[in-house]
Every structure is written in C-alpha cells, then in structure tokens.
Protein backbone atom coordinates (compact mmCIF):
# COMPACT_ATOMS: atom_id res chain seq x y z
CA TYR A 1 365.95 -93.30 -161.75
CA ARG A 2 365.69 -89.01 -161.90
CA GLU A 3 366.85 -89.41 -165.77
CA VAL A 4 363.64 -91.98 -166.79
CA TRP A 5 361.20 -89.68 -164.52
CA LYS A 6 362.80 -86.44 -166.74
CA ALA A 7 361.67 -88.76 -169.77
CA GLU A 8 358.52 -89.31 -168.56
CA GLN A 9 357.70 -85.81 -168.00
CA LYS A 10 358.85 -84.57 -170.90
CA VAL A 11 356.34 -87.11 -172.50
CA ILE A 12 353.30 -86.43 -171.01
CA SER A 13 353.73 -83.20 -171.87
CA ARG A 14 354.02 -83.76 -175.24
CA VAL A 15 351.12 -85.72 -175.65
CA PHE A 16 348.86 -83.85 -173.02
CA GLY A 17 350.42 -80.55 -173.10
CA ASP A 18 352.19 -79.15 -170.60
CA TRP A 19 350.48 -77.07 -167.18
CA GLU A 20 352.31 -73.99 -168.23
CA ASP A 21 350.23 -73.54 -171.16
CA LEU A 22 347.24 -73.56 -168.81
CA LEU A 23 348.68 -71.94 -166.44
CA GLU A 24 347.61 -67.74 -166.11
CA ILE A 25 349.59 -65.49 -163.57
CA ILE A 26 350.76 -62.45 -163.20
CA ASP A 27 353.87 -60.07 -161.99
CA TYR A 28 354.17 -60.21 -158.20
CA VAL A 29 354.11 -56.40 -156.99
CA SER A 30 356.04 -55.62 -153.61
CA ASN A 31 355.65 -51.77 -152.93
CA ASN A 32 354.27 -50.63 -156.31
CA VAL A 33 357.62 -52.52 -157.95
CA VAL A 34 357.92 -55.17 -160.02
CA ASP A 35 359.61 -58.48 -158.24
CA ALA A 36 361.10 -61.13 -160.74
CA ARG A 37 361.82 -63.28 -158.28
CA PHE A 38 358.28 -64.06 -157.96
CA CYS A 39 355.02 -64.72 -159.75
CA LYS A 40 351.46 -64.61 -158.57
CA PHE A 41 349.16 -66.95 -159.30
CA ARG A 42 345.53 -66.26 -161.54
CA ARG A 43 344.19 -68.63 -162.98
CA VAL A 44 344.26 -72.18 -164.42
CA PHE A 45 341.92 -74.31 -167.00
CA TRP A 46 341.75 -78.10 -167.64
CA THR A 47 339.28 -80.57 -169.37
CA PHE A 48 339.59 -83.97 -170.35
CA LYS A 49 340.11 -85.90 -173.20
CA SER A 50 337.15 -88.18 -172.33
CA ALA A 51 335.04 -85.54 -171.64
CA TYR A 52 336.07 -83.54 -174.52
CA ASP A 53 335.37 -86.11 -176.96
CA ALA A 54 331.57 -86.35 -175.39
CA PHE A 55 330.80 -83.00 -175.36
CA ASN A 56 329.82 -83.51 -179.05
CA TYR A 57 326.26 -85.07 -177.85
CA PRO A 58 325.69 -83.22 -175.40
CA LYS A 59 321.93 -81.84 -174.32
CA PRO A 60 321.57 -78.19 -174.99
CA ILE A 61 321.90 -77.52 -170.80
CA MET A 62 325.18 -76.55 -168.68
CA GLN A 63 325.42 -76.27 -165.54
CA ILE A 64 328.34 -74.72 -163.41
CA ASP A 65 329.17 -75.07 -159.84
CA GLY A 66 331.67 -73.88 -157.82
CA THR A 67 333.29 -74.31 -153.65
CA PHE A 68 335.87 -72.21 -152.04
CA LEU A 69 339.16 -73.90 -151.33
CA CYS A 70 340.98 -73.86 -148.19
CA GLY A 71 344.10 -74.81 -146.27
CA LYS A 72 347.33 -75.35 -148.08
CA TYR A 73 346.05 -73.11 -151.36
CA TYR A 74 343.06 -71.04 -151.20
CA GLY A 75 341.14 -69.82 -154.26
CA THR A 76 337.59 -71.14 -156.12
CA LEU A 77 337.26 -74.50 -157.82
CA LEU A 78 334.56 -74.11 -160.81
CA ILE A 79 333.34 -76.97 -162.20
CA ALA A 80 330.92 -76.81 -165.60
CA THR A 81 329.05 -79.68 -166.23
CA THR A 82 326.04 -81.30 -168.55
CA GLN A 83 324.32 -84.42 -169.59
CA ASP A 84 324.90 -86.87 -172.39
CA ASP A 85 322.42 -88.35 -174.44
CA ASN A 86 321.94 -91.25 -171.46
CA ALA A 87 321.25 -88.68 -168.90
CA HIS A 88 324.60 -89.18 -167.80
CA ILE A 89 326.73 -86.37 -165.61
CA LEU A 90 329.74 -84.79 -167.91
CA PRO A 91 332.19 -82.72 -166.35
CA ILE A 92 332.91 -80.38 -169.18
CA VAL A 93 335.68 -78.04 -167.67
CA PHE A 94 337.15 -77.55 -164.34
CA VAL A 95 338.96 -74.05 -163.55
CA VAL A 96 340.30 -72.67 -160.60
CA VAL A 97 340.60 -69.35 -159.89
CA GLU A 98 342.43 -66.64 -157.83
CA GLY A 99 338.66 -65.52 -155.59
C-alpha cells in the first residue's frame, strides 16, 4: 500500500506540480546562528487550473480579501477574486503569508 501511495504522489507531483515549488521558506535563526536542521515558513501561493483557464475572460476588476488563521497554524490567508462574463465569482489565487 505504501509503495502505491508513493507512486501516486509522484504522478500527482509531475502533473500538477509539487508543494516545494510553491512554498517559500527562510533560514531558521536562533541566537544569531542559522540552524540548518530547521527552516521557517514564509509564504505559499497556488491557483487551480479551472481558475487559470477561466481567467482569460474576467471583468476588469479584482478584489483581494484576507483572514487571519488561528489555532494550530498562524498567518494570513489572502484570496484574489474577480467575476467572469456570466457574473460568477471566480477565485483567482490563494496565498498564505506569515503575517
């Protein structure tokens, strides 16, 4: 089962891209020394293919909104949206940032 799961993850990574390509991290610094064992999250950016394809026909207005994440993970979730020709809301991009 584990081997099949690993193979599936490789296929998904090749088709849709890998989170490491989207994830931006910075060095973890403790007492002015970089600790190579750890890294610190900075931001991640992603979109969906359907939104990417539909973005060829948007109205010339965009809205960006955000909300704070709390609980297990902290940061801010930002979403950029627009409307398509049929006045349907179209989420363009999602971004999670550090603060």
